[in-house]
Amino acid sequence: MGITAILLATCLTLSGCSGFEIFKYDSVPVVRAVLTAGATRASVVAAGGQPNSEVKVPQNGGVCLNYTLLTDKGATTPFFVVLTRDNRVANYGYVSCATALKDNYAMPSEGMKQVY
């Protein structure tokens, strides 16, 4: 086995080193809701409840919803959902709305995509 494979295997076994760590949130209802084609504010809030906060998104006249995701093992992470002015999901990801807006994740030029 090459040194690269050994380093990769070691890295993946260490906590927090795995690129797959984020998948533990894929079963959270609000995440499943945004992954549904045609997702809207109503479907997101029905699945995830009221967000922790909302931030206006100047780029599209919509809003960004801040959630804190929690797994059954107690792990948490921020999660944002950007809605267009007609309340359709435009983007989402595993950062806060503040970070998404600052780093221009709020309105992707190539369409909706997940942000880690």
N, C-alpha and C. Protein backbone atom coordinates (compact mmCIF):
# COMPACT_ATOMS: atom_id res chain seq x y z
N MET A 1 0.86 -1.17 0.00
CA MET A 1 0.00 0.00 0.00
C MET A 1 0.90 1.23 0.00
N GLY A 2 0.60 2.19 -0.86
CA GLY A 2 1.42 3.39 -0.97
C GLY A 2 1.24 4.33 0.22
N ILE A 3 2.19 5.21 0.37
CA ILE A 3 2.15 6.17 1.47
C ILE A 3 0.92 7.07 1.39
N THR A 4 0.50 7.43 0.17
CA THR A 4 -0.69 8.26 0.01
C THR A 4 -1.92 7.56 0.53
N ALA A 5 -2.06 6.28 0.21
CA ALA A 5 -3.22 5.51 0.68
C ALA A 5 -3.22 5.38 2.20
N ILE A 6 -2.05 5.18 2.77
CA ILE A 6 -1.94 5.07 4.23
C ILE A 6 -2.32 6.39 4.89
N LEU A 7 -1.80 7.49 4.36
CA LEU A 7 -2.13 8.81 4.91
C LEU A 7 -3.62 9.09 4.78
N LEU A 8 -4.21 8.76 3.65
CA LEU A 8 -5.63 8.98 3.45
C LEU A 8 -6.45 8.15 4.43
N ALA A 9 -6.11 6.88 4.59
CA ALA A 9 -6.84 6.02 5.52
C ALA A 9 -6.72 6.53 6.95
N THR A 10 -5.53 6.98 7.32
CA THR A 10 -5.33 7.52 8.67
C THR A 10 -6.16 8.78 8.86
N CYS A 11 -6.12 9.65 7.88
CA CYS A 11 -6.87 10.91 7.96
C CYS A 11 -8.36 10.65 8.10
N LEU A 12 -8.89 9.72 7.33
CA LEU A 12 -10.32 9.44 7.36
C LEU A 12 -10.78 8.83 8.68
N THR A 13 -9.86 8.20 9.39
CA THR A 13 -10.25 7.62 10.67
C THR A 13 -10.22 8.64 11.81
N LEU A 14 -9.55 9.75 11.60
CA LEU A 14 -9.48 10.78 12.64
C LEU A 14 -10.75 11.62 12.63
N SER A 15 -11.24 11.94 13.78
CA SER A 15 -12.45 12.76 13.90
C SER A 15 -12.23 14.13 13.29
N GLY A 16 -13.20 14.59 12.51
CA GLY A 16 -13.13 15.92 11.92
C GLY A 16 -12.30 16.00 10.66
N CYS A 17 -11.63 14.96 10.29
CA CYS A 17 -10.77 14.99 9.11
C CYS A 17 -11.52 14.50 7.87
N SER A 18 -12.58 13.78 8.06
CA SER A 18 -13.31 13.19 6.95
C SER A 18 -14.13 14.22 6.19
N GLY A 19 -14.00 14.21 4.88
CA GLY A 19 -14.84 15.05 4.04
C GLY A 19 -16.28 14.58 4.02
N PHE A 20 -16.52 13.38 4.53
CA PHE A 20 -17.86 12.81 4.55
C PHE A 20 -18.60 13.13 5.85
N GLU A 21 -17.97 13.82 6.75
CA GLU A 21 -18.55 14.16 8.05
C GLU A 21 -19.87 14.91 7.90
N ILE A 22 -19.99 15.74 6.91
CA ILE A 22 -21.18 16.57 6.73
C ILE A 22 -22.41 15.73 6.39
N PHE A 23 -22.22 14.52 5.84
CA PHE A 23 -23.35 13.69 5.46
C PHE A 23 -24.19 13.23 6.64
N LYS A 24 -23.67 13.37 7.85
CA LYS A 24 -24.45 12.97 9.02
C LYS A 24 -25.70 13.84 9.19
N TYR A 25 -25.75 14.98 8.49
CA TYR A 25 -26.91 15.87 8.59
C TYR A 25 -27.94 15.63 7.48
N ASP A 26 -27.64 14.76 6.53
CA ASP A 26 -28.56 14.55 5.41
C ASP A 26 -29.91 13.97 5.81
N SER A 27 -30.01 13.38 6.98
CA SER A 27 -31.30 12.84 7.41
C SER A 27 -32.12 13.84 8.22
N VAL A 28 -31.56 15.02 8.50
CA VAL A 28 -32.29 16.05 9.24
C VAL A 28 -33.42 16.56 8.34
N PRO A 29 -34.65 16.66 8.85
CA PRO A 29 -35.80 17.01 8.01
C PRO A 29 -35.66 18.28 7.17
N VAL A 30 -35.09 19.34 7.72
CA VAL A 30 -34.96 20.58 6.94
C VAL A 30 -34.00 20.39 5.76
N VAL A 31 -32.97 19.59 5.94
CA VAL A 31 -32.04 19.31 4.83
C VAL A 31 -32.76 18.51 3.75
N ARG A 32 -33.50 17.49 4.15
CA ARG A 32 -34.27 16.72 3.16
C ARG A 32 -35.26 17.61 2.42
N ALA A 33 -35.84 18.58 3.12
CA ALA A 33 -36.83 19.47 2.49
C ALA A 33 -36.20 20.31 1.39
N VAL A 34 -35.00 20.86 1.63
CA VAL A 34 -34.38 21.69 0.59
C VAL A 34 -33.89 20.87 -0.58
N LEU A 35 -33.66 19.59 -0.37
CA LEU A 35 -33.22 18.72 -1.46
C LEU A 35 -34.36 18.29 -2.38
N THR A 36 -35.59 18.56 -1.98
CA THR A 36 -36.76 18.20 -2.77
C THR A 36 -36.95 19.19 -3.91
N ALA A 37 -37.16 18.69 -5.12
CA ALA A 37 -37.39 19.57 -6.26
C ALA A 37 -38.58 20.47 -6.00
N GLY A 38 -38.44 21.76 -6.31
CA GLY A 38 -39.52 22.72 -6.13
C GLY A 38 -39.71 23.16 -4.70
N ALA A 39 -38.70 22.97 -3.85
CA ALA A 39 -38.82 23.34 -2.43
C ALA A 39 -39.15 24.82 -2.27
N THR A 40 -40.01 25.10 -1.30
CA THR A 40 -40.46 26.47 -1.02
C THR A 40 -40.27 26.78 0.46
N ARG A 41 -40.50 28.05 0.81
CA ARG A 41 -40.43 28.44 2.21
C ARG A 41 -41.38 27.59 3.05
N ALA A 42 -42.59 27.39 2.55
CA ALA A 42 -43.58 26.62 3.30
C ALA A 42 -43.09 25.20 3.57
N SER A 43 -42.49 24.55 2.58
CA SER A 43 -42.03 23.17 2.77
C SER A 43 -40.82 23.11 3.70
N VAL A 44 -39.95 24.12 3.62
CA VAL A 44 -38.77 24.16 4.49
C VAL A 44 -39.19 24.38 5.94
N VAL A 45 -40.07 25.36 6.17
CA VAL A 45 -40.52 25.65 7.54
C VAL A 45 -41.36 24.50 8.09
N ALA A 46 -42.15 23.86 7.25
CA ALA A 46 -42.93 22.70 7.71
C ALA A 46 -42.01 21.59 8.19
N ALA A 47 -40.89 21.41 7.52
CA ALA A 47 -39.95 20.35 7.89
C ALA A 47 -39.04 20.75 9.05
N GLY A 48 -38.56 21.98 9.03
CA GLY A 48 -37.54 22.39 10.00
C GLY A 48 -38.01 23.30 11.10
N GLY A 49 -39.27 23.73 11.04
CA GLY A 49 -39.75 24.69 12.02
C GLY A 49 -39.29 26.09 11.69
N GLN A 50 -39.63 27.03 12.55
CA GLN A 50 -39.21 28.41 12.32
C GLN A 50 -37.69 28.50 12.41
N PRO A 51 -37.07 29.29 11.53
CA PRO A 51 -35.61 29.42 11.58
C PRO A 51 -35.17 30.19 12.83
N ASN A 52 -33.90 30.08 13.16
CA ASN A 52 -33.33 30.85 14.28
C ASN A 52 -33.41 32.34 14.00
N SER A 53 -33.20 32.71 12.73
CA SER A 53 -33.27 34.11 12.32
C SER A 53 -33.41 34.19 10.80
N GLU A 54 -33.72 35.40 10.32
CA GLU A 54 -33.82 35.67 8.88
C GLU A 54 -32.99 36.90 8.56
N VAL A 55 -32.38 36.89 7.38
CA VAL A 55 -31.58 38.00 6.91
C VAL A 55 -32.03 38.33 5.49
N LYS A 56 -32.20 39.61 5.18
CA LYS A 56 -32.56 40.01 3.82
C LYS A 56 -31.39 39.74 2.88
N VAL A 57 -31.73 39.31 1.65
CA VAL A 57 -30.72 39.04 0.63
C VAL A 57 -30.89 40.09 -0.47
N PRO A 58 -30.03 41.11 -0.48
CA PRO A 58 -30.19 42.20 -1.45
C PRO A 58 -30.08 41.74 -2.91
N GLN A 59 -29.30 40.69 -3.17
CA GLN A 59 -29.08 40.23 -4.54
C GLN A 59 -30.34 39.73 -5.22
N ASN A 60 -31.29 39.19 -4.45
CA ASN A 60 -32.48 38.63 -5.10
C ASN A 60 -33.79 39.12 -4.50
N GLY A 61 -33.73 40.02 -3.52
CA GLY A 61 -34.95 40.52 -2.90
C GLY A 61 -35.62 39.51 -1.99
N GLY A 62 -34.94 38.41 -1.73
CA GLY A 62 -35.49 37.37 -0.86
C GLY A 62 -34.90 37.43 0.53
N VAL A 63 -34.91 36.29 1.20
CA VAL A 63 -34.37 36.20 2.55
C VAL A 63 -33.50 34.96 2.70
N CYS A 64 -32.68 34.98 3.72
CA CYS A 64 -31.86 33.83 4.08
C CYS A 64 -32.32 33.37 5.46
N LEU A 65 -32.60 32.09 5.59
CA LEU A 65 -33.03 31.50 6.85
C LEU A 65 -31.85 30.82 7.53
N ASN A 66 -31.62 31.15 8.79
CA ASN A 66 -30.57 30.51 9.59
C ASN A 66 -31.17 29.40 10.43
N TYR A 67 -30.60 28.22 10.33
CA TYR A 67 -30.98 27.09 11.18
C TYR A 67 -29.73 26.57 11.87
N THR A 68 -29.91 25.89 12.99
CA THR A 68 -28.84 25.13 13.62
C THR A 68 -29.28 23.67 13.58
N LEU A 69 -28.51 22.86 12.87
CA LEU A 69 -28.85 21.45 12.74
C LEU A 69 -28.30 20.67 13.92
N LEU A 70 -29.04 19.67 14.34
CA LEU A 70 -28.66 18.82 15.46
C LEU A 70 -28.89 17.36 15.06
N THR A 71 -27.86 16.54 15.26
CA THR A 71 -28.02 15.11 14.99
C THR A 71 -28.44 14.40 16.27
N ASP A 72 -28.80 13.13 16.13
CA ASP A 72 -29.20 12.35 17.29
C ASP A 72 -28.03 12.11 18.25
N LYS A 73 -26.82 12.37 17.80
CA LYS A 73 -25.64 12.20 18.67
C LYS A 73 -25.20 13.52 19.29
N GLY A 74 -25.97 14.59 19.07
CA GLY A 74 -25.69 15.87 19.70
C GLY A 74 -24.79 16.81 18.93
N ALA A 75 -24.34 16.42 17.75
CA ALA A 75 -23.49 17.30 16.94
C ALA A 75 -24.35 18.41 16.33
N THR A 76 -23.78 19.61 16.20
CA THR A 76 -24.51 20.73 15.60
C THR A 76 -23.67 21.39 14.51
N THR A 77 -24.36 22.08 13.60
CA THR A 77 -23.71 22.88 12.58
C THR A 77 -24.70 23.93 12.09
N PRO A 78 -24.20 25.09 11.64
CA PRO A 78 -25.11 26.07 11.04
C PRO A 78 -25.59 25.58 9.69
N PHE A 79 -26.74 26.07 9.27
CA PHE A 79 -27.32 25.69 7.98
C PHE A 79 -28.12 26.88 7.47
N PHE A 80 -27.86 27.31 6.23
CA PHE A 80 -28.62 28.42 5.67
C PHE A 80 -29.46 27.95 4.50
N VAL A 81 -30.58 28.65 4.30
CA VAL A 81 -31.45 28.41 3.15
C VAL A 81 -31.80 29.78 2.57
N VAL A 82 -31.42 30.03 1.32
CA VAL A 82 -31.76 31.29 0.65
C VAL A 82 -33.04 31.08 -0.13
N LEU A 83 -33.98 32.00 0.07
CA LEU A 83 -35.25 31.98 -0.66
C LEU A 83 -35.30 33.18 -1.60
N THR A 84 -35.86 32.98 -2.78
CA THR A 84 -36.08 34.08 -3.71
C THR A 84 -37.26 34.91 -3.24
N ARG A 85 -37.51 36.02 -3.91
CA ARG A 85 -38.65 36.86 -3.50
C ARG A 85 -39.98 36.14 -3.64
N ASP A 86 -40.05 35.10 -4.48
CA ASP A 86 -41.30 34.32 -4.59
C ASP A 86 -41.25 33.06 -3.71
N ASN A 87 -40.37 33.08 -2.70
CA ASN A 87 -40.28 32.03 -1.67
C ASN A 87 -39.88 30.65 -2.18
N ARG A 88 -39.08 30.61 -3.21
CA ARG A 88 -38.51 29.36 -3.71
C ARG A 88 -37.07 29.23 -3.20
N VAL A 89 -36.65 28.00 -2.91
CA VAL A 89 -35.28 27.79 -2.45
C VAL A 89 -34.32 28.08 -3.60
N ALA A 90 -33.36 28.98 -3.34
CA ALA A 90 -32.36 29.35 -4.33
C ALA A 90 -31.01 28.71 -4.04
N ASN A 91 -30.71 28.50 -2.77
CA ASN A 91 -29.44 27.90 -2.38
C ASN A 91 -29.50 27.50 -0.92
N TYR A 92 -28.55 26.70 -0.50
CA TYR A 92 -28.49 26.23 0.89
C TYR A 92 -27.08 25.74 1.17
N GLY A 93 -26.75 25.60 2.42
CA GLY A 93 -25.43 25.07 2.75
C GLY A 93 -25.18 25.03 4.23
N TYR A 94 -24.03 24.50 4.58
CA TYR A 94 -23.67 24.25 5.98
C TYR A 94 -22.79 25.36 6.54
N VAL A 95 -23.24 26.59 6.37
CA VAL A 95 -22.64 27.78 6.98
C VAL A 95 -23.79 28.70 7.38
N SER A 96 -23.49 29.77 8.07
CA SER A 96 -24.54 30.73 8.46
C SER A 96 -24.88 31.64 7.29
N CYS A 97 -26.01 32.33 7.40
CA CYS A 97 -26.39 33.32 6.38
C CYS A 97 -25.32 34.40 6.26
N ALA A 98 -24.77 34.85 7.39
CA ALA A 98 -23.74 35.88 7.36
C ALA A 98 -22.55 35.44 6.52
N THR A 99 -22.11 34.21 6.70
CA THR A 99 -20.99 33.68 5.92
C THR A 99 -21.38 33.51 4.46
N ALA A 100 -22.58 33.01 4.22
CA ALA A 100 -23.04 32.80 2.84
C ALA A 100 -23.10 34.12 2.08
N LEU A 101 -23.60 35.17 2.72
CA LEU A 101 -23.69 36.48 2.07
C LEU A 101 -22.30 37.08 1.88
N LYS A 102 -21.46 37.00 2.89
CA LYS A 102 -20.11 37.57 2.83
C LYS A 102 -19.28 36.90 1.73
N ASP A 103 -19.41 35.59 1.62
CA ASP A 103 -18.60 34.83 0.65
C ASP A 103 -19.31 34.60 -0.68
N ASN A 104 -20.42 35.31 -0.90
CA ASN A 104 -21.18 35.24 -2.16
C ASN A 104 -21.73 33.86 -2.47
N TYR A 105 -22.09 33.08 -1.44
CA TYR A 105 -22.74 31.80 -1.65
C TYR A 105 -24.24 31.95 -1.79
N ALA A 106 -24.77 33.10 -1.44
CA ALA A 106 -26.21 33.27 -1.36
C ALA A 106 -26.90 33.11 -2.72
N MET A 107 -26.30 33.60 -3.76
CA MET A 107 -26.91 33.52 -5.09
C MET A 107 -25.90 32.97 -6.09
N PRO A 108 -25.80 31.66 -6.21
CA PRO A 108 -24.83 31.09 -7.15
C PRO A 108 -25.19 31.43 -8.59
N SER A 109 -24.18 31.75 -9.38
CA SER A 109 -24.42 32.11 -10.77
C SER A 109 -24.79 30.90 -11.62
N GLU A 110 -24.42 29.70 -11.18
CA GLU A 110 -24.70 28.51 -11.97
C GLU A 110 -25.88 27.71 -11.45
N GLY A 111 -26.72 28.30 -10.65
CA GLY A 111 -27.89 27.60 -10.14
C GLY A 111 -27.66 27.08 -8.74
N MET A 112 -28.69 26.45 -8.17
CA MET A 112 -28.63 25.98 -6.80
C MET A 112 -27.56 24.92 -6.62
N LYS A 113 -26.80 25.06 -5.55
CA LYS A 113 -25.78 24.07 -5.23
C LYS A 113 -25.59 24.05 -3.72
N GLN A 114 -25.12 22.93 -3.22
CA GLN A 114 -24.86 22.79 -1.79
C GLN A 114 -23.53 23.44 -1.44
N VAL A 115 -23.49 24.14 -0.32
CA VAL A 115 -22.27 24.79 0.15
C VAL A 115 -21.84 24.14 1.45
N TYR A 116 -20.58 23.76 1.55
CA TYR A 116 -20.06 23.12 2.76
C TYR A 116 -19.30 24.11 3.57
